[in-house]
Amino acid sequence: MNKTVTFEIDEEVYELLERVAAQTGRPTEQVVLEWLARFAPKPRPQLSEEESKAAMERLLRHAGAASLGYPTGADNESIDADLAREYGSSHEEEA
């Protein structure tokens, strides 16, 4: 079943759509529909419980894979010190 959707767009966007339609010999509405079909978010596939568990296991294999070279904590003082150090750094490599 087809549905009708009406929305407002900027004049610049509409002119661009019209140019694309003219260049490709298609109606503007078709250009819009094809763009929406191509770039609109796609629904995520429904995973079975087994697939979901396997995906989580793959993700968790990466947990802790990076090491800063020193232990980290969740105390505010160490967090503040890390932030102060990073904000104060020029991030330029020293030779």
PDB file of N, CA and C in Angstrom:
ATOM      1  N   MET A   1       0.830  -1.154   0.000  1.00  0.00           N
ATOM      2  CA  MET A   1       0.000   0.000   0.000  1.00  0.00           C
ATOM      3  C   MET A   1       0.892   1.239   0.000  1.00  0.00           C
ATOM      4  N   ASN A   2       0.625   2.164  -0.879  1.00  0.00           N
ATOM      5  CA  ASN A   2       1.392   3.399  -0.959  1.00  0.00           C
ATOM      6  C   ASN A   2       0.857   4.434   0.011  1.00  0.00           C
ATOM      7  N   LYS A   3       1.744   5.241   0.532  1.00  0.00           N
ATOM      8  CA  LYS A   3       1.393   6.334   1.431  1.00  0.00           C
ATOM      9  C   LYS A   3       1.939   7.628   0.842  1.00  0.00           C
ATOM     10  N   THR A   4       1.325   8.732   1.180  1.00  0.00           N
ATOM     11  CA  THR A   4       1.774  10.036   0.728  1.00  0.00           C
ATOM     12  C   THR A   4       2.399  10.773   1.905  1.00  0.00           C
ATOM     13  N   VAL A   5       3.572  11.347   1.666  1.00  0.00           N
ATOM     14  CA  VAL A   5       4.266  12.125   2.676  1.00  0.00           C
ATOM     15  C   VAL A   5       4.555  13.501   2.080  1.00  0.00           C
ATOM     16  N   THR A   6       4.234  14.533   2.832  1.00  0.00           N
ATOM     17  CA  THR A   6       4.501  15.892   2.391  1.00  0.00           C
ATOM     18  C   THR A   6       5.417  16.557   3.410  1.00  0.00           C
ATOM     19  N   PHE A   7       6.504  17.172   2.933  1.00  0.00           N
ATOM     20  CA  PHE A   7       7.406  17.879   3.837  1.00  0.00           C
ATOM     21  C   PHE A   7       8.026  19.044   3.092  1.00  0.00           C
ATOM     22  N   GLU A   8       8.539  20.008   3.858  1.00  0.00           N
ATOM     23  CA  GLU A   8       9.168  21.181   3.281  1.00  0.00           C
ATOM     24  C   GLU A   8      10.677  21.012   3.278  1.00  0.00           C
ATOM     25  N   ILE A   9      11.304  21.475   2.177  1.00  0.00           N
ATOM     26  CA  ILE A   9      12.761  21.455   2.081  1.00  0.00           C
ATOM     27  C   ILE A   9      13.226  22.827   1.615  1.00  0.00           C
ATOM     28  N   ASP A  10      14.495  23.111   1.836  1.00  0.00           N
ATOM     29  CA  ASP A  10      15.065  24.382   1.394  1.00  0.00           C
ATOM     30  C   ASP A  10      14.992  24.488  -0.124  1.00  0.00           C
ATOM     31  N   GLU A  11      14.907  25.723  -0.589  1.00  0.00           N
ATOM     32  CA  GLU A  11      14.869  25.988  -2.031  1.00  0.00           C
ATOM     33  C   GLU A  11      16.107  25.425  -2.725  1.00  0.00           C
ATOM     34  N   GLU A  12      17.279  25.569  -2.074  1.00  0.00           N
ATOM     35  CA  GLU A  12      18.525  25.069  -2.666  1.00  0.00           C
ATOM     36  C   GLU A  12      18.475  23.561  -2.878  1.00  0.00           C
ATOM     37  N   VAL A  13      17.947  22.850  -1.904  1.00  0.00           N
ATOM     38  CA  VAL A  13      17.859  21.390  -2.002  1.00  0.00           C
ATOM     39  C   VAL A  13      16.893  21.008  -3.113  1.00  0.00           C
ATOM     40  N   TYR A  14      15.775  21.702  -3.169  1.00  0.00           N
ATOM     41  CA  TYR A  14      14.788  21.397  -4.210  1.00  0.00           C
ATOM     42  C   TYR A  14      15.376  21.645  -5.601  1.00  0.00           C
ATOM     43  N   GLU A  15      16.106  22.746  -5.752  1.00  0.00           N
ATOM     44  CA  GLU A  15      16.718  23.035  -7.054  1.00  0.00           C
ATOM     45  C   GLU A  15      17.730  21.965  -7.435  1.00  0.00           C
ATOM     46  N   LEU A  16      18.483  21.494  -6.463  1.00  0.00           N
ATOM     47  CA  LEU A  16      19.433  20.416  -6.722  1.00  0.00           C
ATOM     48  C   LEU A  16      18.708  19.158  -7.185  1.00  0.00           C
ATOM     49  N   LEU A  17      17.616  18.824  -6.492  1.00  0.00           N
ATOM     50  CA  LEU A  17      16.831  17.645  -6.882  1.00  0.00           C
ATOM     51  C   LEU A  17      16.264  17.795  -8.289  1.00  0.00           C
ATOM     52  N   GLU A  18      15.801  18.986  -8.607  1.00  0.00           N
ATOM     53  CA  GLU A  18      15.272  19.228  -9.952  1.00  0.00           C
ATOM     54  C   GLU A  18      16.357  19.089 -11.013  1.00  0.00           C
ATOM     55  N   ARG A  19      17.572  19.603 -10.700  1.00  0.00           N
ATOM     56  CA  ARG A  19      18.677  19.470 -11.668  1.00  0.00           C
ATOM     57  C   ARG A  19      19.035  18.007 -11.896  1.00  0.00           C
ATOM     58  N   VAL A  20      19.103  17.236 -10.812  1.00  0.00           N
ATOM     59  CA  VAL A  20      19.412  15.805 -10.948  1.00  0.00           C
ATOM     60  C   VAL A  20      18.329  15.116 -11.770  1.00  0.00           C
ATOM     61  N   ALA A  21      17.078  15.458 -11.499  1.00  0.00           N
ATOM     62  CA  ALA A  21      15.968  14.866 -12.242  1.00  0.00           C
ATOM     63  C   ALA A  21      16.059  15.212 -13.725  1.00  0.00           C
ATOM     64  N   ALA A  22      16.353  16.468 -14.026  1.00  0.00           N
ATOM     65  CA  ALA A  22      16.457  16.890 -15.425  1.00  0.00           C
ATOM     66  C   ALA A  22      17.624  16.205 -16.123  1.00  0.00           C
ATOM     67  N   GLN A  23      18.758  16.101 -15.420  1.00  0.00           N
ATOM     68  CA  GLN A  23      19.936  15.478 -16.016  1.00  0.00           C
ATOM     69  C   GLN A  23      19.740  13.992 -16.284  1.00  0.00           C
ATOM     70  N   THR A  24      18.923  13.352 -15.456  1.00  0.00           N
ATOM     71  CA  THR A  24      18.732  11.909 -15.599  1.00  0.00           C
ATOM     72  C   THR A  24      17.418  11.554 -16.278  1.00  0.00           C
ATOM     73  N   GLY A  25      16.626  12.566 -16.623  1.00  0.00           N
ATOM     74  CA  GLY A  25      15.370  12.324 -17.328  1.00  0.00           C
ATOM     75  C   GLY A  25      14.322  11.625 -16.479  1.00  0.00           C
ATOM     76  N   ARG A  26      14.345  11.898 -15.179  1.00  0.00           N
ATOM     77  CA  ARG A  26      13.364  11.271 -14.285  1.00  0.00           C
ATOM     78  C   ARG A  26      12.576  12.349 -13.555  1.00  0.00           C
ATOM     79  N   PRO A  27      11.397  12.001 -13.068  1.00  0.00           N
ATOM     80  CA  PRO A  27      10.641  12.971 -12.272  1.00  0.00           C
ATOM     81  C   PRO A  27      11.361  13.259 -10.955  1.00  0.00           C
ATOM     82  N   THR A  28      11.202  14.476 -10.454  1.00  0.00           N
ATOM     83  CA  THR A  28      11.818  14.871  -9.185  1.00  0.00           C
ATOM     84  C   THR A  28      11.395  13.925  -8.074  1.00  0.00           C
ATOM     85  N   GLU A  29      10.129  13.530  -8.056  1.00  0.00           N
ATOM     86  CA  GLU A  29       9.636  12.630  -7.013  1.00  0.00           C
ATOM     87  C   GLU A  29      10.402  11.313  -7.006  1.00  0.00           C
ATOM     88  N   GLN A  30      10.736  10.813  -8.192  1.00  0.00           N
ATOM     89  CA  GLN A  30      11.479   9.553  -8.279  1.00  0.00           C
ATOM     90  C   GLN A  30      12.894   9.723  -7.726  1.00  0.00           C
ATOM     91  N   VAL A  31      13.516  10.863  -8.016  1.00  0.00           N
ATOM     92  CA  VAL A  31      14.858  11.134  -7.492  1.00  0.00           C
ATOM     93  C   VAL A  31      14.812  11.149  -5.966  1.00  0.00           C
ATOM     94  N   VAL A  32      13.809  11.808  -5.395  1.00  0.00           N
ATOM     95  CA  VAL A  32      13.672  11.877  -3.940  1.00  0.00           C
ATOM     96  C   VAL A  32      13.462  10.484  -3.361  1.00  0.00           C
ATOM     97  N   LEU A  33      12.586   9.700  -3.960  1.00  0.00           N
ATOM     98  CA  LEU A  33      12.316   8.350  -3.451  1.00  0.00           C
ATOM     99  C   LEU A  33      13.563   7.472  -3.508  1.00  0.00           C
ATOM    100  N   GLU A  34      14.318   7.575  -4.596  1.00  0.00           N
ATOM    101  CA  GLU A  34      15.531   6.770  -4.716  1.00  0.00           C
ATOM    102  C   GLU A  34      16.571   7.196  -3.679  1.00  0.00           C
ATOM    103  N   TRP A  35      16.686   8.506  -3.433  1.00  0.00           N
ATOM    104  CA  TRP A  35      17.623   8.993  -2.424  1.00  0.00           C
ATOM    105  C   TRP A  35      17.224   8.481  -1.049  1.00  0.00           C
ATOM    106  N   LEU A  36      15.934   8.582  -0.718  1.00  0.00           N
ATOM    107  CA  LEU A  36      15.470   8.092   0.580  1.00  0.00           C
ATOM    108  C   LEU A  36      15.716   6.591   0.724  1.00  0.00           C
ATOM    109  N   ALA A  37      15.446   5.839  -0.323  1.00  0.00           N
ATOM    110  CA  ALA A  37      15.648   4.391  -0.259  1.00  0.00           C
ATOM    111  C   ALA A  37      17.121   4.053  -0.066  1.00  0.00           C
ATOM    112  N   ARG A  38      17.988   4.865  -0.648  1.00  0.00           N
ATOM    113  CA  ARG A  38      19.420   4.576  -0.568  1.00  0.00           C
ATOM    114  C   ARG A  38      20.044   5.027   0.750  1.00  0.00           C
ATOM    115  N   PHE A  39      19.632   6.199   1.256  1.00  0.00           N
ATOM    116  CA  PHE A  39      20.330   6.783   2.394  1.00  0.00           C
ATOM    117  C   PHE A  39      19.556   6.774   3.704  1.00  0.00           C
ATOM    118  N   ALA A  40      18.302   6.426   3.691  1.00  0.00           N
ATOM    119  CA  ALA A  40      17.535   6.395   4.937  1.00  0.00           C
ATOM    120  C   ALA A  40      18.061   5.264   5.822  1.00  0.00           C
ATOM    121  N   PRO A  41      17.991   5.429   7.127  1.00  0.00           N
ATOM    122  CA  PRO A  41      18.452   4.359   8.017  1.00  0.00           C
ATOM    123  C   PRO A  41      17.706   3.057   7.749  1.00  0.00           C
ATOM    124  N   LYS A  42      18.452   1.992   7.761  1.00  0.00           N
ATOM    125  CA  LYS A  42      17.865   0.667   7.549  1.00  0.00           C
ATOM    126  C   LYS A  42      17.565   0.029   8.900  1.00  0.00           C
ATOM    127  N   PRO A  43      16.486  -0.712   8.988  1.00  0.00           N
ATOM    128  CA  PRO A  43      16.204  -1.385  10.260  1.00  0.00           C
ATOM    129  C   PRO A  43      17.286  -2.432  10.550  1.00  0.00           C
ATOM    130  N   ARG A  44      17.645  -2.534  11.821  1.00  0.00           N
ATOM    131  CA  ARG A  44      18.639  -3.524  12.211  1.00  0.00           C
ATOM    132  C   ARG A  44      18.020  -4.914  12.123  1.00  0.00           C
ATOM    133  N   PRO A  45      18.790  -5.883  11.655  1.00  0.00           N
ATOM    134  CA  PRO A  45      18.242  -7.236  11.574  1.00  0.00           C
ATOM    135  C   PRO A  45      17.979  -7.797  12.970  1.00  0.00           C
ATOM    136  N   GLN A  46      16.917  -8.552  13.085  1.00  0.00           N
ATOM    137  CA  GLN A  46      16.599  -9.208  14.350  1.00  0.00           C
ATOM    138  C   GLN A  46      17.508 -10.427  14.495  1.00  0.00           C
ATOM    139  N   LEU A  47      18.271 -10.449  15.566  1.00  0.00           N
ATOM    140  CA  LEU A  47      19.170 -11.571  15.809  1.00  0.00           C
ATOM    141  C   LEU A  47      18.502 -12.562  16.754  1.00  0.00           C
ATOM    142  N   SER A  48      18.789 -13.809  16.512  1.00  0.00           N
ATOM    143  CA  SER A  48      18.316 -14.819  17.447  1.00  0.00           C
ATOM    144  C   SER A  48      19.116 -14.658  18.741  1.00  0.00           C
ATOM    145  N   GLU A  49      18.666 -15.298  19.795  1.00  0.00           N
ATOM    146  CA  GLU A  49      19.397 -15.215  21.066  1.00  0.00           C
ATOM    147  C   GLU A  49      20.808 -15.754  20.902  1.00  0.00           C
ATOM    148  N   GLU A  50      20.960 -16.805  20.120  1.00  0.00           N
ATOM    149  CA  GLU A  50      22.273 -17.394  19.883  1.00  0.00           C
ATOM    150  C   GLU A  50      23.183 -16.423  19.113  1.00  0.00           C
ATOM    151  N   GLU A  51      22.636 -15.773  18.078  1.00  0.00           N
ATOM    152  CA  GLU A  51      23.418 -14.814  17.302  1.00  0.00           C
ATOM    153  C   GLU A  51      23.793 -13.604  18.159  1.00  0.00           C
ATOM    154  N   SER A  52      22.861 -13.151  18.987  1.00  0.00           N
ATOM    155  CA  SER A  52      23.120 -12.014  19.865  1.00  0.00           C
ATOM    156  C   SER A  52      24.228 -12.346  20.871  1.00  0.00           C
ATOM    157  N   LYS A  53      24.191 -13.554  21.425  1.00  0.00           N
ATOM    158  CA  LYS A  53      25.211 -13.986  22.380  1.00  0.00           C
ATOM    159  C   LYS A  53      26.575 -14.068  21.692  1.00  0.00           C
ATOM    160  N   ALA A  54      26.613 -14.600  20.474  1.00  0.00           N
ATOM    161  CA  ALA A  54      27.872 -14.709  19.736  1.00  0.00           C
ATOM    162  C   ALA A  54      28.429 -13.318  19.422  1.00  0.00           C
ATOM    163  N   ALA A  55      27.564 -12.376  19.063  1.00  0.00           N
ATOM    164  CA  ALA A  55      28.006 -11.013  18.778  1.00  0.00           C
ATOM    165  C   ALA A  55      28.583 -10.362  20.031  1.00  0.00           C
ATOM    166  N   MET A  56      27.936 -10.562  21.160  1.00  0.00           N
ATOM    167  CA  MET A  56      28.429  -9.993  22.414  1.00  0.00           C
ATOM    168  C   MET A  56      29.776 -10.600  22.777  1.00  0.00           C
ATOM    169  N   GLU A  57      29.963 -11.887  22.560  1.00  0.00           N
ATOM    170  CA  GLU A  57      31.247 -12.531  22.845  1.00  0.00           C
ATOM    171  C   GLU A  57      32.343 -11.958  21.952  1.00  0.00           C
ATOM    172  N   ARG A  58      32.026 -11.705  20.670  1.00  0.00           N
ATOM    173  CA  ARG A  58      33.015 -11.099  19.768  1.00  0.00           C
ATOM    174  C   ARG A  58      33.387  -9.700  20.245  1.00  0.00           C
ATOM    175  N   LEU A  59      32.405  -8.943  20.694  1.00  0.00           N
ATOM    176  CA  LEU A  59      32.664  -7.592  21.199  1.00  0.00           C
ATOM    177  C   LEU A  59      33.528  -7.631  22.453  1.00  0.00           C
ATOM    178  N   LEU A  60      33.200  -8.506  23.372  1.00  0.00           N
ATOM    179  CA  LEU A  60      33.911  -8.562  24.638  1.00  0.00           C
ATOM    180  C   LEU A  60      35.349  -9.037  24.504  1.00  0.00           C
ATOM    181  N   ARG A  61      35.670  -9.698  23.387  1.00  0.00           N
ATOM    182  CA  ARG A  61      37.065 -10.101  23.159  1.00  0.00           C
ATOM    183  C   ARG A  61      37.976  -8.891  23.061  1.00  0.00           C
ATOM    184  N   HIS A  62      37.402  -7.747  22.704  1.00  0.00           N
ATOM    185  CA  HIS A  62      38.193  -6.525  22.558  1.00  0.00           C
ATOM    186  C   HIS A  62      38.306  -5.745  23.866  1.00  0.00           C
ATOM    187  N   ALA A  63      37.498  -6.074  24.840  1.00  0.00           N
ATOM    188  CA  ALA A  63      37.531  -5.355  26.113  1.00  0.00           C
ATOM    189  C   ALA A  63      38.889  -5.550  26.773  1.00  0.00           C
ATOM    190  N   GLY A  64      39.517  -4.461  27.143  1.00  0.00           N
ATOM    191  CA  GLY A  64      40.820  -4.525  27.789  1.00  0.00           C
ATOM    192  C   GLY A  64      41.967  -4.771  26.836  1.00  0.00           C
ATOM    193  N   ALA A  65      41.707  -4.721  25.533  1.00  0.00           N
ATOM    194  CA  ALA A  65      42.756  -5.012  24.553  1.00  0.00           C
ATOM    195  C   ALA A  65      43.779  -3.888  24.464  1.00  0.00           C
ATOM    196  N   ALA A  66      43.406  -2.678  24.866  1.00  0.00           N
ATOM    197  CA  ALA A  66      44.340  -1.553  24.819  1.00  0.00           C
ATOM    198  C   ALA A  66      44.884  -1.293  26.211  1.00  0.00           C
ATOM    199  N   SER A  67      46.165  -1.036  26.274  1.00  0.00           N
ATOM    200  CA  SER A  67      46.794  -0.735  27.550  1.00  0.00           C
ATOM    201  C   SER A  67      47.424   0.645  27.475  1.00  0.00           C
ATOM    202  N   LEU A  68      47.179   1.470  28.492  1.00  0.00           N
ATOM    203  CA  LEU A  68      47.782   2.791  28.545  1.00  0.00           C
ATOM    204  C   LEU A  68      49.197   2.740  29.104  1.00  0.00           C
ATOM    205  N   GLY A  69      49.584   1.592  29.614  1.00  0.00           N
ATOM    206  CA  GLY A  69      50.910   1.451  30.171  1.00  0.00           C
ATOM    207  C   GLY A  69      50.966   1.766  31.655  1.00  0.00           C
ATOM    208  N   TYR A  70      49.836   2.132  32.212  1.00  0.00           N
ATOM    209  CA  TYR A  70      49.765   2.400  33.643  1.00  0.00           C
ATOM    210  C   TYR A  70      48.353   2.090  34.098  1.00  0.00           C
ATOM    211  N   PRO A  71      48.199   1.734  35.349  1.00  0.00           N
ATOM    212  CA  PRO A  71      46.855   1.423  35.832  1.00  0.00           C
ATOM    213  C   PRO A  71      45.989   2.681  35.865  1.00  0.00           C
ATOM    214  N   THR A  72      44.731   2.506  35.571  1.00  0.00           N
ATOM    215  CA  THR A  72      43.806   3.634  35.621  1.00  0.00           C
ATOM    216  C   THR A  72      42.765   3.383  36.688  1.00  0.00           C
ATOM    217  N   GLY A  73      42.203   4.430  37.182  1.00  0.00           N
ATOM    218  CA  GLY A  73      41.165   4.311  38.201  1.00  0.00           C
ATOM    219  C   GLY A  73      39.973   5.161  37.841  1.00  0.00           C
ATOM    220  N   ALA A  74      38.970   5.042  38.637  1.00  0.00           N
ATOM    221  CA  ALA A  74      37.766   5.806  38.389  1.00  0.00           C
ATOM    222  C   ALA A  74      37.636   6.951  39.382  1.00  0.00           C
ATOM    223  N   ASP A  75      38.760   7.262  40.071  1.00  0.00           N
ATOM    224  CA  ASP A  75      38.681   8.349  41.044  1.00  0.00           C
ATOM    225  C   ASP A  75      38.790   9.690  40.317  1.00  0.00           C
ATOM    226  N   ASN A  76      38.104  10.687  40.823  1.00  0.00           N
ATOM    227  CA  ASN A  76      38.055  11.993  40.175  1.00  0.00           C
ATOM    228  C   ASN A  76      39.417  12.649  40.052  1.00  0.00           C
ATOM    229  N   GLU A  77      40.291  12.446  41.017  1.00  0.00           N
ATOM    230  CA  GLU A  77      41.597  13.088  40.970  1.00  0.00           C
ATOM    231  C   GLU A  77      42.399  12.615  39.757  1.00  0.00           C
ATOM    232  N   SER A  78      42.425  11.310  39.526  1.00  0.00           N
ATOM    233  CA  SER A  78      43.204  10.818  38.382  1.00  0.00           C
ATOM    234  C   SER A  78      42.543  11.216  37.068  1.00  0.00           C
ATOM    235  N   ILE A  79      41.229  11.248  37.047  1.00  0.00           N
ATOM    236  CA  ILE A  79      40.526  11.686  35.835  1.00  0.00           C
ATOM    237  C   ILE A  79      40.844  13.152  35.561  1.00  0.00           C
ATOM    238  N   ASP A  80      40.777  13.991  36.604  1.00  0.00           N
ATOM    239  CA  ASP A  80      41.087  15.412  36.441  1.00  0.00           C
ATOM    240  C   ASP A  80      42.527  15.606  35.983  1.00  0.00           C
ATOM    241  N   ALA A  81      43.448  14.830  36.541  1.00  0.00           N
ATOM    242  CA  ALA A  81      44.854  14.945  36.148  1.00  0.00           C
ATOM    243  C   ALA A  81      45.043  14.556  34.687  1.00  0.00           C
ATOM    244  N   ASP A  82      44.388  13.478  34.253  1.00  0.00           N
ATOM    245  CA  ASP A  82      44.469  13.069  32.849  1.00  0.00           C
ATOM    246  C   ASP A  82      43.927  14.154  31.930  1.00  0.00           C
ATOM    247  N   LEU A  83      42.771  14.722  32.294  1.00  0.00           N
ATOM    248  CA  LEU A  83      42.177  15.777  31.467  1.00  0.00           C
ATOM    249  C   LEU A  83      43.069  17.004  31.412  1.00  0.00           C
ATOM    250  N   ALA A  84      43.598  17.431  32.564  1.00  0.00           N
ATOM    251  CA  ALA A  84      44.475  18.602  32.604  1.00  0.00           C
ATOM    252  C   ALA A  84      45.709  18.380  31.739  1.00  0.00           C
ATOM    253  N   ARG A  85      46.279  17.176  31.798  1.00  0.00           N
ATOM    254  CA  ARG A  85      47.468  16.860  31.000  1.00  0.00           C
ATOM    255  C   ARG A  85      47.131  16.927  29.512  1.00  0.00           C
ATOM    256  N   GLU A  86      46.004  16.378  29.116  1.00  0.00           N
ATOM    257  CA  GLU A  86      45.628  16.369  27.702  1.00  0.00           C
ATOM    258  C   GLU A  86      45.271  17.766  27.206  1.00  0.00           C
ATOM    259  N   TYR A  87      44.530  18.520  27.995  1.00  0.00           N
ATOM    260  CA  TYR A  87      44.166  19.884  27.572  1.00  0.00           C
ATOM    261  C   TYR A  87      45.391  20.784  27.486  1.00  0.00           C
ATOM    262  N   GLY A  88      46.389  20.539  28.316  1.00  0.00           N
ATOM    263  CA  GLY A  88      47.589  21.357  28.325  1.00  0.00           C
ATOM    264  C   GLY A  88      48.595  20.959  27.271  1.00  0.00           C
ATOM    265  N   SER A  89      48.406  19.813  26.637  1.00  0.00           N
ATOM    266  CA  SER A  89      49.348  19.316  25.641  1.00  0.00           C
ATOM    267  C   SER A  89      49.071  19.920  24.279  1.00  0.00           C
ATOM    268  N   SER A  90      50.121  20.222  23.531  1.00  0.00           N
ATOM    269  CA  SER A  90      49.963  20.716  22.144  1.00  0.00           C
ATOM    270  C   SER A  90      49.758  19.551  21.195  1.00  0.00           C
ATOM    271  N   HIS A  91      49.994  18.331  21.665  1.00  0.00           N
ATOM    272  CA  HIS A  91      49.853  17.096  20.885  1.00  0.00           C
ATOM    273  C   HIS A  91      50.795  17.060  19.687  1.00  0.00           C
ATOM    274  N   GLU A  92      51.848  17.854  19.751  1.00  0.00           N
ATOM    275  CA  GLU A  92      52.871  17.815  18.695  1.00  0.00           C
ATOM    276  C   GLU A  92      53.938  16.832  19.126  1.00  0.00           C
ATOM    277  N   GLU A  93      54.414  16.065  18.195  1.00  0.00           N
ATOM    278  CA  GLU A  93      55.464  15.102  18.513  1.00  0.00           C
ATOM    279  C   GLU A  93      56.759  15.846  18.811  1.00  0.00           C
ATOM    280  N   GLU A  94      57.390  15.446  19.901  1.00  0.00           N
ATOM    281  CA  GLU A  94      58.668  16.059  20.247  1.00  0.00           C
ATOM    282  C   GLU A  94      59.800  15.208  19.687  1.00  0.00           C
ATOM    283  N   ALA A  95      60.764  15.883  19.092  1.00  0.00           N
ATOM    284  CA  ALA A  95      61.876  15.166  18.460  1.00  0.00           C
ATOM    285  C   ALA A  95      62.987  14.891  19.431  1.00  0.00           C
TER     286      ALA A  95
END
